[in-house]
Amino acid sequence: MSASLKERKEHFVTGLTGGSTIDIYGVTSVSIVSYLVWSILKRKTSVFSDSNDVQAIVLEFFINWVLLLLSVTCYCDNVGTLITASIAPLFLVVFKRTKDSNEKEIKINVNTLSSKQFTPFITYVTVYRAQMMIITCICILSVDFHVFPRRFAKVETWGTSLMDLGVGSFVFSMGLVSAKQTIKQRFDSNYSYVNNLINSIRNSIPILILGVIRLTSVKVLDYQEHITEYGKHWNFFFTLSFLPLVANTFAPIIDILSPIVTGFLILLVYETVLTRFGFVEYILNSQREGLVGMNKEGLFSLAGYLAIYLNGMSLGYTILPLFPTRNNLLRVNGSKDECLRNRSGQVFTVSPIKGLFILATLFHALYYILDTCYIYGVSRRMANSLYVIWVSAYNYTFLFGYKLVENLVWGEPQYALTNSGAKSTVINDYRDKDCVPVGLRAVNYNGLTIFILANVLTGLVNLTFNTIDMSDTIAVIILVAYCAVLSTVAFLLYTRRIHVR
């Protein structure tokens, strides 16, 4: 890549100010619409009865990948038209009677209830995580083409954009999933702080190595880079590797205060450091001297990303267990006996859909108040309090949306606890097959692998093509082919039960 082209590409993603949050919500709402479209077609027709049928695979790829791609490129200014065109054909089948219902009541013997049963498959969480990964993969390559609006690319300092939301959502999803291990350990009464800390160190090493590989490849290949994003040496893989480690290090404090309360305290301290001790000026305007100075964005933003991670973890305690546990809006469940004994309602004991509604409403109210009254705006570069609250509010809201689709089309999972007679079964695993597109299951099965592959393909495309001078038509063709490769690899790994990570 010539120096001049590298400079042009760096300039292409520099000095941007983003767009409105309403605009971002509009284009990403296509993800919920696509799940609604697939669910109704699956429930009312036989189109997706055979997951290996070529026509079904192609249609599903269009619904789950291409619609999202179009929403952030060609139809970004006409999302309503895209949504209408997607939903319109459903009126031919939406009132069609279905012969069998998926609302099966499963009897659970409390005497044989295991931690695996206590943390069953959650349909809408799988869909949410897979769709979030898909749109992230789409954006990391699309941003290098003119067909992708500059308002969706990462902002320089202040403002909101789709890609700024993406990195925060990635962290939120990590926190959400991390809660499952703690829930199971508490349920089985085998929680170990030391073992969890050792495991977090062990699990962080591969991601840390990926960060080193990315850093080395960028320097060796003279690849374009945006230093104000994370710093001279830091990258997102380093952030991802440190967050679980830090969370596990302070697990005893987090357990006492609850993740969401700890997250708010971190925000309070971090915001005080930024505004009262001059660190906003330091991060934005100081010279890059020393290792800390050269990577100040990546290092300081860890505090904000940790708060996002803890908000996701707190939500996991609310929505992942089989039934609501005591004060699940704030803290993790106890042992099996405690969970069964304290199933009666408490002040902070809520159902998943109620918990999502409360949190989405609370965080949106906080965002509106701070955005209206506070001295600074949203900054992904610093991961300040407004950024954390916005990212959390968005994820609570969209998970609520996926949950509404699940309840509307598939119904609430039904179960009954008994003292005898029920077989030891894994609750709601039938929903894995019946209620989630196989393509989304595939992406979720090897999420990190697909993300790494997306980064590699993005680099190859940029080293091979002059992306910023391509026409919109050619750009979309390349992007569809790129999505097809990612989708195919995910599908092949999943159908062969090859789980990398």
Protein backbone atom coordinates (compact mmCIF):
# COMPACT_ATOMS: atom_id res chain seq x y z
CA MET A 1 0.00 0.00 0.00
CA SER A 2 1.49 3.36 -1.00
CA ALA A 3 2.05 5.98 1.67
CA SER A 4 -0.39 8.41 0.04
CA LEU A 5 -3.17 5.81 -0.07
CA LYS A 6 -2.49 4.90 3.56
CA GLU A 7 -2.77 8.56 4.54
CA ARG A 8 -6.01 8.92 2.58
CA LYS A 9 -7.49 5.88 4.32
CA GLU A 10 -6.46 7.19 7.74
CA HIS A 11 -7.98 10.57 6.91
CA PHE A 12 -11.16 8.77 5.79
CA VAL A 13 -11.85 7.69 9.38
CA THR A 14 -10.39 10.72 11.18
CA GLY A 15 -12.15 13.75 12.64
CA LEU A 16 -15.66 12.29 12.48
CA THR A 17 -18.52 13.47 14.69
CA GLY A 18 -21.06 10.65 14.36
CA GLY A 19 -24.84 10.96 14.09
CA SER A 20 -28.02 10.79 16.15
CA THR A 21 -28.94 7.95 18.49
CA ILE A 22 -32.39 7.74 16.86
CA ASP A 23 -30.71 7.08 13.52
CA ILE A 24 -28.60 4.30 15.07
CA TYR A 25 -31.63 2.72 16.71
CA GLY A 26 -33.45 2.86 13.38
CA VAL A 27 -30.87 1.04 11.28
CA THR A 28 -30.13 -1.59 13.93
CA SER A 29 -33.83 -2.28 14.54
CA VAL A 30 -33.63 -4.27 11.31
CA SER A 31 -31.97 -7.01 13.38
CA ILE A 32 -35.13 -7.44 15.47
CA VAL A 33 -37.28 -7.26 12.34
CA SER A 34 -35.20 -9.95 10.66
CA TYR A 35 -35.71 -12.27 13.64
CA LEU A 36 -39.44 -11.56 13.54
CA VAL A 37 -39.57 -12.35 9.81
CA TRP A 38 -37.64 -15.60 10.21
CA SER A 39 -39.72 -16.67 13.23
CA ILE A 40 -43.06 -16.16 11.49
CA LEU A 41 -41.88 -17.96 8.35
CA LYS A 42 -40.55 -20.80 10.48
CA ARG A 43 -43.73 -21.05 12.56
CA LYS A 44 -46.27 -20.63 9.76
CA THR A 45 -44.58 -22.34 6.78
CA SER A 46 -42.30 -25.25 5.94
CA VAL A 47 -39.64 -23.03 4.33
CA PHE A 48 -37.09 -23.72 7.08
CA SER A 49 -38.14 -27.27 7.94
CA ASP A 50 -34.88 -28.64 6.46
CA SER A 51 -31.87 -26.66 7.71
CA ASN A 52 -29.67 -28.26 5.03
CA ASP A 53 -31.87 -27.20 2.12
CA VAL A 54 -29.91 -24.86 -0.15
CA GLN A 55 -32.86 -22.52 -0.76
CA ALA A 56 -33.53 -22.27 2.98
CA ILE A 57 -29.86 -21.52 3.67
CA VAL A 58 -29.77 -18.77 1.02
CA LEU A 59 -33.02 -17.21 2.27
CA GLU A 60 -31.79 -17.28 5.84
CA PHE A 61 -28.51 -15.67 4.78
CA PHE A 62 -30.48 -12.88 3.13
CA ILE A 63 -32.67 -12.36 6.21
CA ASN A 64 -29.89 -12.46 8.81
CA TRP A 65 -26.95 -10.96 6.93
CA VAL A 66 -27.96 -9.07 3.80
CA LEU A 67 -30.82 -7.12 5.41
CA LEU A 68 -28.43 -5.82 8.06
CA LEU A 69 -25.82 -5.01 5.43
CA LEU A 70 -28.36 -3.05 3.38
CA SER A 71 -29.60 -1.21 6.47
CA VAL A 72 -26.15 0.32 7.13
CA THR A 73 -25.27 0.97 3.48
CA CYS A 74 -27.71 1.42 0.58
CA TYR A 75 -30.87 1.83 2.70
CA CYS A 76 -29.37 3.74 5.62
CA ASP A 77 -31.50 6.77 4.73
CA ASN A 78 -34.58 4.68 3.90
CA VAL A 79 -34.72 2.10 6.66
CA GLY A 80 -38.51 2.35 6.80
CA THR A 81 -38.71 1.20 3.19
CA LEU A 82 -36.41 -1.74 3.91
CA ILE A 83 -38.43 -2.78 6.98
CA THR A 84 -41.72 -2.46 5.12
CA ALA A 85 -40.42 -4.54 2.22
CA SER A 86 -39.22 -7.19 4.68
CA ILE A 87 -42.48 -7.41 6.60
CA ALA A 88 -44.98 -7.07 3.73
CA PRO A 89 -44.75 -10.69 2.48
CA LEU A 90 -45.59 -11.95 5.98
CA PHE A 91 -49.21 -10.87 5.59
CA LEU A 92 -49.64 -13.84 3.24
CA VAL A 93 -48.87 -16.28 6.04
CA VAL A 94 -49.17 -14.48 9.38
CA PHE A 95 -52.83 -15.48 9.86
CA LYS A 96 -52.27 -19.05 8.77
CA ARG A 97 -53.18 -21.58 11.45
CA THR A 98 -50.35 -23.70 12.84
CA LYS A 99 -50.98 -27.30 13.68
CA ASP A 100 -48.59 -27.73 16.60
CA SER A 101 -47.45 -25.40 19.30
CA ASN A 102 -43.98 -25.02 20.72
CA GLU A 103 -45.32 -23.99 24.11
CA LYS A 104 -44.53 -27.28 25.82
CA GLU A 105 -44.72 -27.53 29.58
CA ILE A 106 -41.69 -29.34 30.90
CA LYS A 107 -41.85 -30.91 34.34
CA ILE A 108 -38.74 -30.50 36.43
CA ASN A 109 -37.90 -32.64 39.41
CA VAL A 110 -36.42 -30.28 41.99
CA ASN A 111 -34.59 -33.19 43.61
CA THR A 112 -32.55 -33.82 40.46
CA LEU A 113 -32.37 -30.20 39.27
CA SER A 114 -28.80 -29.58 38.09
CA SER A 115 -26.91 -26.37 37.44
CA LYS A 116 -27.08 -27.11 33.71
CA GLN A 117 -30.85 -27.31 33.94
CA PHE A 118 -30.89 -24.15 36.04
CA THR A 119 -29.17 -22.21 33.24
CA PRO A 120 -31.12 -23.35 30.17
CA PHE A 121 -30.80 -22.29 26.58
CA ILE A 122 -32.17 -18.73 26.18
CA THR A 123 -33.45 -18.15 22.66
CA TYR A 124 -33.41 -14.37 22.52
CA VAL A 125 -29.94 -14.12 24.09
CA THR A 126 -28.48 -16.33 21.35
CA VAL A 127 -30.21 -14.26 18.67
CA TYR A 128 -29.04 -11.00 20.25
CA ARG A 129 -25.41 -12.11 20.52
CA ALA A 130 -25.30 -13.52 16.99
CA GLN A 131 -26.93 -10.46 15.42
CA MET A 132 -24.57 -8.20 17.36
CA MET A 133 -21.61 -10.17 16.03
CA ILE A 134 -22.95 -10.04 12.47
CA ILE A 135 -23.42 -6.28 12.42
CA THR A 136 -19.99 -5.84 14.03
CA CYS A 137 -18.37 -7.92 11.29
CA ILE A 138 -20.28 -6.00 8.62
CA CYS A 139 -19.17 -2.64 9.97
CA ILE A 140 -15.46 -3.35 10.36
CA LEU A 141 -15.11 -3.81 6.59
CA SER A 142 -17.94 -1.54 5.40
CA VAL A 143 -16.34 1.47 7.08
CA ASP A 144 -13.57 1.41 4.48
CA PHE A 145 -16.05 2.08 1.64
CA HIS A 146 -17.94 5.26 0.74
CA VAL A 147 -21.21 3.29 0.70
CA PHE A 148 -20.95 3.20 4.50
CA PRO A 149 -22.00 6.66 5.82
CA ARG A 150 -19.35 8.54 7.77
CA ARG A 151 -21.90 9.20 10.55
CA PHE A 152 -21.76 5.48 11.41
CA ALA A 153 -17.96 5.36 11.71
CA LYS A 154 -16.18 5.88 15.04
CA VAL A 155 -16.15 9.47 16.16
CA GLU A 156 -12.92 11.30 16.92
CA THR A 157 -13.79 12.50 20.43
CA TRP A 158 -17.39 13.54 21.13
CA GLY A 159 -20.55 12.05 19.66
CA THR A 160 -22.44 8.82 19.02
CA SER A 161 -22.05 6.42 16.14
CA LEU A 162 -22.95 2.88 15.18
CA MET A 163 -19.38 1.59 15.43
CA ASP A 164 -18.84 3.27 18.80
CA LEU A 165 -21.93 1.43 19.99
CA GLY A 166 -20.59 -1.82 18.55
CA VAL A 167 -17.43 -2.03 20.65
CA GLY A 168 -19.37 -1.29 23.82
CA SER A 169 -22.03 -3.85 22.96
CA PHE A 170 -19.32 -6.45 22.42
CA VAL A 171 -18.11 -5.85 25.98
CA PHE A 172 -21.66 -5.86 27.36
CA SER A 173 -22.30 -9.24 25.71
CA MET A 174 -19.09 -10.63 27.25
CA GLY A 175 -20.26 -9.58 30.69
CA LEU A 176 -23.70 -11.10 30.12
CA VAL A 177 -22.27 -14.48 29.17
CA SER A 178 -19.68 -14.45 31.96
CA ALA A 179 -22.50 -14.49 34.52
CA LYS A 180 -23.47 -18.04 33.57
CA GLN A 181 -20.37 -19.63 35.10
CA THR A 182 -20.88 -17.83 38.42
CA ILE A 183 -24.58 -18.74 38.52
CA LYS A 184 -23.76 -22.42 38.06
CA GLN A 185 -20.94 -22.36 40.61
CA ARG A 186 -23.12 -20.69 43.23
CA PHE A 187 -25.94 -23.13 42.51
CA ASP A 188 -23.60 -26.11 43.02
CA SER A 189 -21.93 -24.48 46.06
CA ASN A 190 -18.48 -24.88 44.49
CA TYR A 191 -17.54 -21.25 43.84
CA SER A 192 -13.79 -20.65 44.21
CA TYR A 193 -12.28 -17.18 43.97
CA VAL A 194 -8.75 -18.52 43.41
CA ASN A 195 -9.77 -21.03 40.72
CA ASN A 196 -11.82 -18.40 38.89
CA LEU A 197 -8.93 -15.95 38.99
CA ILE A 198 -6.53 -18.58 37.62
CA ASN A 199 -9.01 -19.51 34.88
CA SER A 200 -9.50 -15.86 33.93
CA ILE A 201 -5.73 -15.46 33.57
CA ARG A 202 -5.56 -18.61 31.46
CA ASN A 203 -8.49 -17.52 29.26
CA SER A 204 -7.07 -14.02 28.78
CA ILE A 205 -3.76 -15.23 27.38
CA PRO A 206 -5.06 -16.30 23.91
CA ILE A 207 -6.86 -12.96 23.44
CA LEU A 208 -3.78 -11.09 24.63
CA ILE A 209 -1.73 -13.00 22.04
CA LEU A 210 -4.25 -11.97 19.37
CA GLY A 211 -3.72 -8.38 20.41
CA VAL A 212 0.04 -8.76 20.02
CA ILE A 213 -0.41 -10.38 16.61
CA ARG A 214 -2.66 -7.53 15.47
CA LEU A 215 -0.21 -4.91 16.76
CA THR A 216 2.73 -6.61 15.02
CA SER A 217 0.90 -7.10 11.72
CA VAL A 218 -0.26 -3.46 11.62
CA LYS A 219 3.32 -2.22 12.12
CA VAL A 220 4.98 -4.74 9.79
CA LEU A 221 2.46 -4.33 6.93
CA ASP A 222 2.33 -0.53 7.38
CA TYR A 223 -1.45 -0.88 7.63
CA GLN A 224 -3.55 2.24 8.22
CA GLU A 225 -4.24 2.93 11.88
CA HIS A 226 -6.19 5.50 13.88
CA ILE A 227 -4.01 6.27 16.91
CA THR A 228 -6.62 8.31 18.82
CA GLU A 229 -8.90 5.26 18.87
CA TYR A 230 -6.97 3.33 21.55
CA GLY A 231 -3.41 4.64 21.38
CA LYS A 232 -0.15 3.86 19.62
CA HIS A 233 0.14 0.22 20.73
CA TRP A 234 -3.19 -0.65 22.35
CA ASN A 235 -6.06 -2.32 20.47
CA PHE A 236 -9.48 -3.75 21.27
CA PHE A 237 -8.12 -7.28 21.83
CA PHE A 238 -6.06 -5.96 24.77
CA THR A 239 -9.20 -4.44 26.26
CA LEU A 240 -11.10 -7.71 25.86
CA SER A 241 -8.30 -9.68 27.51
CA PHE A 242 -8.06 -7.44 30.58
CA LEU A 243 -11.75 -7.00 31.47
CA PRO A 244 -12.58 -10.55 32.73
CA LEU A 245 -9.28 -10.60 34.61
CA VAL A 246 -10.03 -7.31 36.41
CA ALA A 247 -13.63 -8.37 37.12
CA ASN A 248 -12.48 -11.65 38.66
CA THR A 249 -9.77 -9.91 40.67
CA PHE A 250 -12.35 -7.72 42.40
CA ALA A 251 -15.06 -10.40 42.51
CA PRO A 252 -15.45 -10.34 46.35
CA ILE A 253 -16.19 -6.59 46.29
CA ILE A 254 -18.48 -6.97 43.29
CA ASP A 255 -20.42 -9.74 45.04
CA ILE A 256 -20.94 -7.61 48.15
CA LEU A 257 -22.02 -4.46 46.32
CA SER A 258 -23.59 -6.21 43.27
CA PRO A 259 -22.21 -5.72 39.73
CA ILE A 260 -24.55 -2.90 38.76
CA VAL A 261 -23.86 -0.89 41.93
CA THR A 262 -20.12 -1.48 41.51
CA GLY A 263 -20.41 -0.26 37.93
CA PHE A 264 -22.05 2.98 39.08
CA LEU A 265 -19.34 3.54 41.71
CA ILE A 266 -16.62 2.98 39.10
CA LEU A 267 -18.34 5.55 36.87
CA LEU A 268 -18.55 8.05 39.71
CA VAL A 269 -14.86 7.72 40.57
CA TYR A 270 -13.77 7.68 36.92
CA GLU A 271 -15.88 10.71 36.03
CA THR A 272 -14.44 12.56 39.01
CA VAL A 273 -10.90 11.73 37.87
CA LEU A 274 -11.69 12.92 34.35
CA THR A 275 -13.40 16.18 35.21
CA ARG A 276 -11.91 17.26 38.55
CA PHE A 277 -8.28 16.29 38.08
CA GLY A 278 -7.73 17.41 34.50
CA PHE A 279 -7.55 14.00 32.85
CA VAL A 280 -9.96 15.00 30.07
CA GLU A 281 -7.38 17.53 28.96
CA TYR A 282 -4.58 14.98 29.42
CA ILE A 283 -6.29 12.31 27.29
CA LEU A 284 -7.32 14.69 24.52
CA ASN A 285 -4.46 17.15 24.22
CA SER A 286 -1.27 16.03 25.99
CA GLN A 287 1.81 14.84 24.13
CA ARG A 288 2.22 11.08 23.71
CA GLU A 289 5.20 10.60 25.98
CA GLY A 290 6.01 7.37 27.76
CA LEU A 291 4.14 4.07 27.48
CA VAL A 292 1.08 5.38 29.34
CA GLY A 293 0.95 8.58 27.33
CA MET A 294 1.21 6.72 24.03
CA ASN A 295 -1.72 4.48 24.97
CA LYS A 296 -3.76 6.79 27.20
CA GLU A 297 -7.11 6.17 25.44
CA GLY A 298 -6.90 2.40 25.75
CA LEU A 299 -5.70 2.43 29.35
CA PHE A 300 -8.12 5.02 30.76
CA SER A 301 -11.16 3.71 28.85
CA LEU A 302 -10.73 0.37 30.67
CA ALA A 303 -12.65 1.88 33.61
CA GLY A 304 -15.67 2.68 31.45
CA TYR A 305 -15.58 -0.67 29.66
CA LEU A 306 -15.39 -2.44 33.03
CA ALA A 307 -18.59 -0.67 34.07
CA ILE A 308 -20.27 -1.85 30.84
CA TYR A 309 -19.00 -5.40 31.47
CA LEU A 310 -20.47 -5.35 34.99
CA ASN A 311 -23.82 -4.07 33.71
CA GLY A 312 -23.94 -7.02 31.33
CA MET A 313 -22.98 -9.39 34.14
CA SER A 314 -25.74 -8.01 36.36
CA LEU A 315 -28.28 -8.59 33.61
CA GLY A 316 -27.06 -12.18 33.27
CA TYR A 317 -28.00 -12.79 36.91
CA THR A 318 -31.51 -11.56 36.07
CA ILE A 319 -32.31 -13.37 32.82
CA LEU A 320 -30.16 -16.52 32.65
CA PRO A 321 -31.52 -18.66 35.56
CA LEU A 322 -34.49 -20.98 35.06
CA PHE A 323 -36.62 -18.98 37.49
CA PRO A 324 -36.17 -15.62 39.26
CA THR A 325 -33.95 -15.83 42.33
CA ARG A 326 -33.91 -13.59 45.38
CA ASN A 327 -33.16 -9.95 44.48
CA ASN A 328 -31.94 -11.06 41.05
CA LEU A 329 -32.05 -7.52 39.71
CA LEU A 330 -29.00 -6.76 41.82
CA ARG A 331 -27.07 -9.89 42.72
CA VAL A 332 -26.22 -13.48 41.85
CA ASN A 333 -28.19 -16.46 43.14
CA GLY A 334 -27.13 -18.59 46.09
CA SER A 335 -26.96 -22.37 46.39
CA LYS A 336 -29.60 -24.74 45.05
CA ASP A 337 -31.35 -24.92 48.41
CA GLU A 338 -31.38 -21.13 48.74
CA CYS A 339 -32.76 -20.70 45.21
CA LEU A 340 -35.61 -23.15 45.85
CA ARG A 341 -36.33 -21.77 49.31
CA ASN A 342 -36.40 -18.09 48.32
CA ARG A 343 -38.49 -18.20 45.16
CA SER A 344 -41.15 -15.99 46.72
CA GLY A 345 -41.15 -12.40 45.56
CA GLN A 346 -38.68 -9.86 46.96
CA VAL A 347 -38.35 -6.15 46.32
CA PHE A 348 -35.70 -6.65 43.62
CA THR A 349 -36.91 -10.03 42.34
CA VAL A 350 -38.17 -9.67 38.76
CA SER A 351 -38.96 -11.77 35.71
CA PRO A 352 -36.62 -11.42 32.72
CA ILE A 353 -38.99 -9.27 30.68
CA LYS A 354 -39.81 -7.04 33.65
CA GLY A 355 -36.13 -6.70 34.53
CA LEU A 356 -35.24 -5.72 30.96
CA PHE A 357 -38.03 -3.14 30.87
CA ILE A 358 -36.98 -1.60 34.20
CA LEU A 359 -33.30 -1.40 33.25
CA ALA A 360 -33.98 -0.06 29.75
CA THR A 361 -36.27 2.64 31.16
CA LEU A 362 -33.89 3.56 33.99
CA PHE A 363 -30.79 3.85 31.82
CA HIS A 364 -32.57 5.77 29.07
CA ALA A 365 -33.88 8.22 31.65
CA LEU A 366 -30.35 8.63 33.07
CA TYR A 367 -28.94 9.12 29.59
CA TYR A 368 -31.52 11.79 28.73
CA ILE A 369 -30.91 13.68 31.98
CA LEU A 370 -27.12 13.61 31.71
CA ASP A 371 -27.09 14.34 27.99
CA THR A 372 -29.29 17.38 28.63
CA CYS A 373 -27.61 18.73 31.76
CA TYR A 374 -24.03 17.46 31.83
CA ILE A 375 -21.00 19.52 30.77
CA TYR A 376 -19.69 16.86 28.36
CA GLY A 377 -21.26 14.59 25.79
CA VAL A 378 -20.70 10.95 24.85
CA SER A 379 -17.09 9.93 24.30
CA ARG A 380 -16.18 6.41 23.25
CA ARG A 381 -12.56 7.53 23.16
CA MET A 382 -12.61 7.92 26.96
CA ALA A 383 -15.54 5.54 27.61
CA ASN A 384 -17.00 8.18 29.93
CA SER A 385 -20.20 7.86 31.98
CA LEU A 386 -22.53 9.00 29.20
CA TYR A 387 -21.04 6.44 26.84
CA VAL A 388 -21.44 3.64 29.40
CA ILE A 389 -25.04 4.57 30.17
CA TRP A 390 -25.93 4.87 26.47
CA VAL A 391 -24.40 1.50 25.53
CA SER A 392 -26.11 -0.21 28.47
CA ALA A 393 -29.48 1.41 27.70
CA TYR A 394 -29.26 0.30 24.08
CA ASN A 395 -28.46 -3.32 24.93
CA TYR A 396 -31.18 -3.56 27.58
CA THR A 397 -33.67 -2.15 25.06
CA PHE A 398 -32.77 -4.45 22.19
CA LEU A 399 -32.72 -7.54 24.39
CA PHE A 400 -36.20 -6.49 25.51
CA GLY A 401 -37.18 -6.28 21.83
CA TYR A 402 -35.87 -9.78 21.07
CA LYS A 403 -37.71 -11.08 24.13
CA LEU A 404 -40.96 -9.54 22.90
CA VAL A 405 -40.54 -11.28 19.53
CA GLU A 406 -39.90 -14.59 21.28
CA ASN A 407 -43.02 -14.23 23.43
CA LEU A 408 -45.12 -13.07 20.50
CA VAL A 409 -44.20 -15.88 18.11
CA TRP A 410 -43.01 -18.77 20.27
CA GLY A 411 -44.57 -18.04 23.63
CA GLU A 412 -43.02 -17.93 27.07
CA PRO A 413 -41.13 -21.13 27.97
CA GLN A 414 -43.37 -23.26 30.17
CA TYR A 415 -42.14 -25.40 33.05
CA ALA A 416 -43.46 -26.86 36.30
CA LEU A 417 -41.41 -27.80 39.35
CA THR A 418 -42.37 -31.10 41.00
CA ASN A 419 -40.93 -33.28 43.74
CA SER A 420 -41.11 -36.56 41.84
CA GLY A 421 -41.89 -38.21 38.54
CA ALA A 422 -40.09 -35.83 36.20
CA LYS A 423 -37.10 -36.98 34.20
CA SER A 424 -33.78 -35.20 34.44
CA THR A 425 -33.87 -33.11 31.28
CA VAL A 426 -32.20 -30.00 29.97
CA ILE A 427 -34.93 -27.39 29.92
CA ASN A 428 -35.94 -25.74 26.66
CA ASP A 429 -33.14 -27.21 24.56
CA TYR A 430 -35.77 -27.89 21.91
CA ARG A 431 -35.82 -24.12 21.36
CA ASP A 432 -32.21 -24.26 20.20
CA LYS A 433 -33.40 -26.14 17.13
CA ASP A 434 -36.89 -24.79 16.63
CA CYS A 435 -36.70 -21.11 17.54
CA VAL A 436 -33.27 -19.88 16.39
CA PRO A 437 -32.01 -19.75 12.78
CA VAL A 438 -29.23 -22.26 12.21
CA GLY A 439 -27.06 -19.47 10.81
CA LEU A 440 -27.31 -17.52 14.07
CA ARG A 441 -26.62 -20.64 16.11
CA ALA A 442 -23.54 -21.15 13.96
CA VAL A 443 -22.24 -17.62 14.51
CA ASN A 444 -22.84 -17.87 18.24
CA TYR A 445 -21.10 -21.26 18.38
CA ASN A 446 -17.77 -19.80 17.25
CA GLY A 447 -18.25 -16.09 17.87
CA LEU A 448 -14.65 -15.12 18.59
CA THR A 449 -13.37 -17.22 15.68
CA ILE A 450 -15.73 -15.46 13.26
CA PHE A 451 -14.69 -12.08 14.66
CA ILE A 452 -11.01 -12.90 14.13
CA LEU A 453 -11.71 -14.16 10.61
CA ALA A 454 -13.60 -10.93 9.88
CA ASN A 455 -10.57 -8.90 10.97
CA VAL A 456 -8.25 -11.00 8.79
CA LEU A 457 -10.53 -10.68 5.74
CA THR A 458 -10.86 -6.94 6.34
CA GLY A 459 -7.08 -6.63 6.24
CA LEU A 460 -6.82 -8.72 3.09
CA VAL A 461 -9.49 -6.70 1.30
CA ASN A 462 -7.80 -3.43 2.23
CA LEU A 463 -4.39 -4.66 1.13
CA THR A 464 -5.84 -5.95 -2.16
CA PHE A 465 -8.29 -3.21 -3.16
CA ASN A 466 -8.42 0.56 -3.13
CA THR A 467 -11.66 0.57 -1.13
CA ILE A 468 -12.19 4.32 -0.83
CA ASP A 469 -12.30 4.82 -4.61
CA MET A 470 -14.75 1.99 -5.34
CA SER A 471 -18.28 2.58 -6.58
CA ASP A 472 -21.17 1.74 -4.26
CA THR A 473 -22.24 -1.17 -6.47
CA ILE A 474 -18.82 -2.87 -6.42
CA ALA A 475 -18.53 -2.17 -2.70
CA VAL A 476 -21.83 -3.91 -1.94
CA ILE A 477 -20.85 -6.90 -4.10
CA ILE A 478 -17.57 -7.27 -2.17
CA LEU A 479 -19.39 -6.88 1.15
CA VAL A 480 -22.00 -9.52 0.27
CA ALA A 481 -19.22 -11.91 -0.75
CA TYR A 482 -17.40 -11.16 2.50
CA CYS A 483 -20.56 -11.88 4.51
CA ALA A 484 -21.10 -15.09 2.53
CA VAL A 485 -17.60 -16.31 3.43
CA LEU A 486 -18.13 -15.60 7.13
CA SER A 487 -21.57 -17.22 7.10
CA THR A 488 -20.31 -20.30 5.25
CA VAL A 489 -17.34 -20.82 7.57
CA ALA A 490 -19.59 -20.46 10.63
CA PHE A 491 -22.12 -22.92 9.16
CA LEU A 492 -19.48 -25.53 8.27
CA LEU A 493 -17.84 -25.35 11.69
CA TYR A 494 -21.20 -25.65 13.41
CA THR A 495 -22.56 -28.55 11.36
CA ARG A 496 -19.31 -30.45 11.95
CA ARG A 497 -19.40 -29.55 15.66
CA ILE A 498 -15.97 -27.91 15.48
CA HIS A 499 -15.89 -25.48 18.38
CA VAL A 500 -12.81 -23.26 18.38
CA ARG A 501 -14.07 -20.37 20.54
